[in-house]
């Protein structure tokens, strides 16, 4: 579920909880650091779009961020309001829920803050023993190394988007467990290369159910969508018609870097 789901304010507790109720295996959330070092869940570094404040997330303390009201934009959540949650609050909400859903945690560090953000996230995840229900990704590859080196058993992946340019061959040299790629970057060649290396591919952000089906036919491992209920339905239908023998991994949870033969 991308930023939770579209039926509530993005990255809010409500959006995350709804994602679980709608059948998401994971809720994707974006995490940054407040001025006093608290990992908080919000996408933009600027607070203008959601809170109408001409300032950055990293300029305010956790207490100051908590006091803000964020509003859904015109395409998400039908004008609802919410508060900015901390990562700890989101993890607690998921643990208290009944869906068994995990979190796909995207690290969004400001320049020079990659290691500090990674260590702050590590502290919260470890404190709640949530590592087995979390996977981690970032556009900033170096910040992932702290998590990978501290917990090599945890799953980390590289997030790629089209405005950064085409993926080149260096991507296959990264020490990662999966790729999360923007829709416009998906191709048969990319998916085939990834599958040859036992590297799962997740596609974001997919809105169209026909395209969801197309990507599953290409061999992608998972779909990231604002509408997790639609994506879950497509995956369920695909599994029913193709069988689990089409997948490299048939165990519980993440492959953890150990992909058996089909």
Protein backbone atom coordinates (compact mmCIF):
# COMPACT_ATOMS: atom_id res chain seq x y z
CA UNK A 1 0.00 0.00 0.00
CA UNK A 2 1.73 3.18 -1.25
CA UNK A 3 1.99 5.69 1.63
CA UNK A 4 -0.62 3.51 3.30
CA UNK A 5 -3.54 3.93 0.92
CA UNK A 6 -5.45 6.58 -0.97
CA UNK A 7 -8.50 6.49 1.32
CA UNK A 8 -6.89 8.61 4.07
CA UNK A 9 -4.18 11.26 4.39
CA UNK A 10 -0.97 9.80 2.99
CA UNK A 11 1.48 8.31 5.51
CA UNK A 12 -0.96 8.85 8.38
CA UNK A 13 -1.80 6.22 10.98
CA UNK A 14 -5.25 5.97 9.44
CA UNK A 15 -3.85 5.30 5.95
CA UNK A 16 -1.50 2.61 7.24
CA UNK A 17 -4.17 0.87 9.29
CA UNK A 18 -6.58 0.93 6.33
CA UNK A 19 -3.93 -0.63 4.09
CA UNK A 20 -3.83 -3.65 6.37
CA UNK A 21 -7.62 -3.91 6.40
CA UNK A 22 -7.66 -3.74 2.59
CA UNK A 23 -5.33 -6.72 2.18
CA UNK A 24 -1.88 -5.14 1.81
CA UNK A 25 1.05 -7.38 2.73
CA UNK A 26 3.05 -4.23 3.50
CA UNK A 27 2.35 -0.53 3.88
CA UNK A 28 5.02 1.61 2.24
CA UNK A 29 5.94 4.63 4.38
CA UNK A 30 8.47 7.46 4.00
CA UNK A 31 10.70 8.32 6.95
CA UNK A 32 12.72 11.47 7.66
CA UNK A 33 14.40 12.96 10.74
CA UNK A 34 12.98 15.81 12.80
CA UNK A 35 15.31 18.55 14.04
CA UNK A 36 15.75 16.64 17.31
CA UNK A 37 16.48 13.31 15.66
CA UNK A 38 13.08 11.56 15.79
CA UNK A 39 12.22 9.43 12.73
CA UNK A 40 8.89 10.77 11.44
CA UNK A 41 6.62 9.49 8.69
CA UNK A 42 6.08 12.01 5.90
CA UNK A 43 7.02 12.08 2.21
CA UNK A 44 7.98 15.66 1.31
CA UNK A 45 10.88 17.44 2.96
CA UNK A 46 8.81 20.62 2.60
CA UNK A 47 5.68 21.00 4.72
CA UNK A 48 3.94 23.25 2.21
CA UNK A 49 1.87 20.70 0.26
CA UNK A 50 0.35 18.91 3.25
CA UNK A 51 0.50 21.46 6.08
CA UNK A 52 0.66 24.82 4.31
CA UNK A 53 3.88 25.69 6.17
CA UNK A 54 6.83 27.27 4.37
CA UNK A 55 9.42 25.22 6.24
CA UNK A 56 11.12 21.84 6.11
CA UNK A 57 10.55 18.74 8.19
CA UNK A 58 14.16 18.81 9.37
CA UNK A 59 13.80 22.35 10.72
CA UNK A 60 11.12 21.43 13.28
CA UNK A 61 11.29 19.33 16.42
CA UNK A 62 9.08 16.30 16.92
CA UNK A 63 6.86 18.31 19.29
CA UNK A 64 6.45 21.06 16.67
CA UNK A 65 5.66 18.52 13.95
CA UNK A 66 3.09 16.80 16.18
CA UNK A 67 1.24 20.10 16.59
CA UNK A 68 0.67 20.47 12.84
CA UNK A 69 -2.44 19.38 10.97
CA UNK A 70 -1.81 17.79 7.60
CA UNK A 71 -4.48 17.61 4.92
CA UNK A 72 -4.98 15.32 2.00
CA UNK A 73 -4.35 17.00 -1.33
CA UNK A 74 -6.98 16.96 -4.06
CA UNK A 75 -6.18 13.42 -5.17
CA UNK A 76 -5.86 11.63 -1.84
CA UNK A 77 -8.24 11.07 1.03
CA UNK A 78 -11.02 13.45 -0.01
CA UNK A 79 -9.87 16.40 2.09
CA UNK A 80 -9.40 14.51 5.35
CA UNK A 81 -7.00 15.74 8.04
CA UNK A 82 -4.47 13.93 10.24
CA UNK A 83 -1.31 14.35 12.27
CA UNK A 84 2.25 13.47 11.29
CA UNK A 85 3.09 10.19 13.05
CA UNK A 86 6.45 9.03 14.28
CA UNK A 87 7.86 5.74 13.04
CA UNK A 88 7.38 4.35 16.53
CA UNK A 89 3.67 5.22 16.47
CA UNK A 90 3.23 3.52 13.11
CA UNK A 91 5.01 0.37 14.26
CA UNK A 92 2.89 0.23 17.40
CA UNK A 93 -0.28 0.63 15.34
CA UNK A 94 0.75 -2.21 13.02
CA UNK A 95 1.65 -4.45 15.97
CA UNK A 96 -1.73 -3.73 17.56
CA UNK A 97 -3.58 -4.50 14.32
CA UNK A 98 -4.92 -7.88 13.34
CA UNK A 99 -3.86 -7.99 9.68
CA UNK A 100 -0.29 -9.19 10.27
CA UNK A 101 0.86 -6.59 7.75
CA UNK A 102 4.48 -5.44 7.60
CA UNK A 103 6.09 -2.12 6.70
CA UNK A 104 8.15 -1.19 3.66
CA UNK A 105 10.20 1.64 5.16
CA UNK A 106 11.67 4.12 2.67
CA UNK A 107 14.56 6.15 4.05
CA UNK A 108 14.50 9.75 2.79
CA UNK A 109 17.57 11.43 4.30
CA UNK A 110 18.55 15.04 3.83
CA UNK A 111 22.07 15.60 2.55
CA UNK A 112 24.60 14.24 5.00
CA UNK A 113 21.97 12.63 7.24
CA UNK A 114 21.90 9.14 5.78
CA UNK A 115 23.71 7.35 8.59
CA UNK A 116 21.91 9.32 11.31
CA UNK A 117 18.53 8.45 9.80
CA UNK A 118 19.46 4.79 9.41
CA UNK A 119 20.62 4.53 13.03
CA UNK A 120 17.50 6.27 14.34
CA UNK A 121 15.32 3.83 12.39
CA UNK A 122 17.39 0.88 13.61
CA UNK A 123 16.88 1.95 17.22
CA UNK A 124 13.09 2.08 16.86
CA UNK A 125 12.78 -1.17 14.89
CA UNK A 126 15.04 -3.04 17.30
CA UNK A 127 13.21 -1.67 20.35
CA UNK A 128 9.96 -3.16 19.08
CA UNK A 129 11.51 -6.36 17.67
CA UNK A 130 9.97 -5.47 14.31
CA UNK A 131 12.83 -6.46 12.02
CA UNK A 132 11.15 -9.58 10.68
CA UNK A 133 8.11 -7.57 9.60
CA UNK A 134 10.00 -4.71 7.96
CA UNK A 135 11.81 -4.28 4.67
CA UNK A 136 13.84 -1.18 3.86
CA UNK A 137 14.61 0.79 0.72
CA UNK A 138 15.96 4.15 -0.37
CA UNK A 139 16.88 6.23 -3.38
CA UNK A 140 20.05 6.99 -1.39
CA UNK A 141 21.99 3.72 -1.65
CA UNK A 142 24.77 4.61 0.84
CA UNK A 143 22.33 5.08 3.72
CA UNK A 144 21.24 1.45 3.35
CA UNK A 145 24.68 0.10 4.19
CA UNK A 146 24.28 0.94 7.88
CA UNK A 147 21.16 -1.22 8.09
CA UNK A 148 22.67 -4.00 5.98
CA UNK A 149 25.87 -4.14 8.02
CA UNK A 150 24.05 -4.05 11.36
CA UNK A 151 21.42 -6.64 10.39
CA UNK A 152 22.50 -8.60 7.31
CA UNK A 153 19.45 -10.82 7.82
CA UNK A 154 17.10 -7.89 7.21
CA UNK A 155 15.91 -7.11 3.71
CA UNK A 156 17.12 -3.89 2.03
CA UNK A 157 16.49 -2.72 -1.51
CA UNK A 158 17.28 0.06 -3.92
CA UNK A 159 14.49 2.36 -5.09
CA UNK A 160 14.83 3.71 -8.64
CA UNK A 161 12.82 6.37 -10.40
CA UNK A 162 12.79 7.56 -14.00
CA UNK A 163 13.83 11.18 -13.46
CA UNK A 164 17.16 9.90 -12.12
CA UNK A 165 17.85 8.48 -15.58
CA UNK A 166 17.92 4.98 -17.00
CA UNK A 167 19.23 2.17 -14.85
CA UNK A 168 22.73 1.16 -15.89
CA UNK A 169 24.70 -2.02 -15.31
CA UNK A 170 26.04 -0.81 -11.94
CA UNK A 171 22.68 -1.62 -10.37
CA UNK A 172 23.49 -5.33 -10.52
CA UNK A 173 26.61 -4.75 -8.41
CA UNK A 174 24.71 -3.27 -5.46
CA UNK A 175 24.51 -5.34 -2.28
CA UNK A 176 20.71 -5.42 -2.18
CA UNK A 177 17.92 -7.92 -1.70
CA UNK A 178 15.37 -6.41 -4.09
CA UNK A 179 14.65 -3.61 -6.55
CA UNK A 180 11.72 -1.20 -6.29
CA UNK A 181 11.34 0.58 -9.62
CA UNK A 182 9.04 3.25 -10.95
CA UNK A 183 6.54 2.02 -13.50
CA UNK A 184 8.19 3.74 -16.46
CA UNK A 185 11.41 1.82 -15.84
CA UNK A 186 9.84 -1.65 -15.99
CA UNK A 187 10.77 -3.73 -19.01
CA UNK A 188 10.98 -7.39 -19.90
CA UNK A 189 14.77 -7.07 -20.06
CA UNK A 190 15.01 -5.54 -16.58
CA UNK A 191 12.77 -8.17 -15.00
CA UNK A 192 14.58 -11.00 -16.81
CA UNK A 193 17.98 -9.74 -15.62
CA UNK A 194 16.71 -9.44 -12.07
CA UNK A 195 15.22 -12.94 -12.09
CA UNK A 196 18.50 -14.38 -13.39
CA UNK A 197 20.17 -12.91 -10.30
CA UNK A 198 17.39 -14.02 -7.94
CA UNK A 199 16.54 -10.36 -7.31
CA UNK A 200 12.83 -9.63 -6.70
CA UNK A 201 11.34 -6.58 -8.44
CA UNK A 202 8.59 -4.40 -7.00
CA UNK A 203 6.81 -1.84 -9.19
CA UNK A 204 5.50 1.55 -8.01
CA UNK A 205 3.11 3.26 -8.21
CA UNK A 206 0.63 1.14 -10.19
CA UNK A 207 -2.92 2.44 -10.62
CA UNK A 208 -4.31 0.41 -13.51
CA UNK A 209 -5.41 -3.19 -12.91
CA UNK A 210 -4.63 -4.21 -16.49
CA UNK A 211 -1.06 -3.01 -16.01
CA UNK A 212 -0.90 -4.84 -12.68
CA UNK A 213 -1.75 -8.06 -14.51
CA UNK A 214 0.79 -7.26 -17.23
CA UNK A 215 3.60 -6.76 -14.71
CA UNK A 216 2.79 -10.02 -12.95
CA UNK A 217 2.90 -11.79 -16.31
CA UNK A 218 6.33 -10.22 -16.91
CA UNK A 219 7.53 -11.78 -13.67
CA UNK A 220 7.60 -8.97 -11.12
CA UNK A 221 7.38 -10.06 -7.49
CA UNK A 222 5.10 -7.38 -6.08
CA UNK A 223 2.96 -4.32 -6.77
CA UNK A 224 3.02 -1.02 -4.88
CA UNK A 225 -0.28 0.85 -5.30
CA UNK A 226 -2.39 3.60 -3.78
CA UNK A 227 -5.25 1.10 -4.00
CA UNK A 228 -3.97 -1.96 -2.09
CA UNK A 229 -7.41 -3.57 -2.26
CA UNK A 230 -7.28 -3.56 -6.08
CA UNK A 231 -3.70 -4.83 -6.13
CA UNK A 232 -4.49 -7.58 -3.61
CA UNK A 233 -7.40 -8.71 -5.77
CA UNK A 234 -5.26 -8.85 -8.90
CA UNK A 235 -2.53 -10.83 -7.11
CA UNK A 236 -5.07 -13.25 -5.66
CA UNK A 237 -6.61 -13.81 -9.08
CA UNK A 238 -3.18 -14.28 -10.65
CA UNK A 239 -2.11 -16.81 -8.02
CA UNK A 240 -5.33 -18.74 -8.45
CA UNK A 241 -4.84 -19.07 -12.19
CA UNK A 242 -1.07 -19.65 -12.26
CA UNK A 243 -0.23 -21.48 -9.05
CA UNK A 244 2.60 -20.81 -6.63
CA UNK A 245 5.04 -22.90 -8.66
CA UNK A 246 5.52 -19.84 -10.88
CA UNK A 247 7.40 -18.08 -8.07
CA UNK A 248 10.97 -18.56 -6.94
CA UNK A 249 10.08 -18.05 -3.28
CA UNK A 250 7.37 -20.05 -1.53
CA UNK A 251 8.25 -19.54 2.12
CA UNK A 252 6.89 -17.28 4.82
CA UNK A 253 7.65 -13.57 4.69
CA UNK A 254 10.71 -12.20 2.89
CA UNK A 255 13.13 -14.49 1.06
CA UNK A 256 15.96 -13.04 3.21
CA UNK A 257 18.38 -13.48 0.35
CA UNK A 258 17.79 -17.24 0.09
CA UNK A 259 15.91 -17.99 -3.10
CA UNK A 260 15.39 -21.72 -3.69
CA UNK A 261 14.88 -23.10 -7.14
CA UNK A 262 11.30 -23.13 -8.38
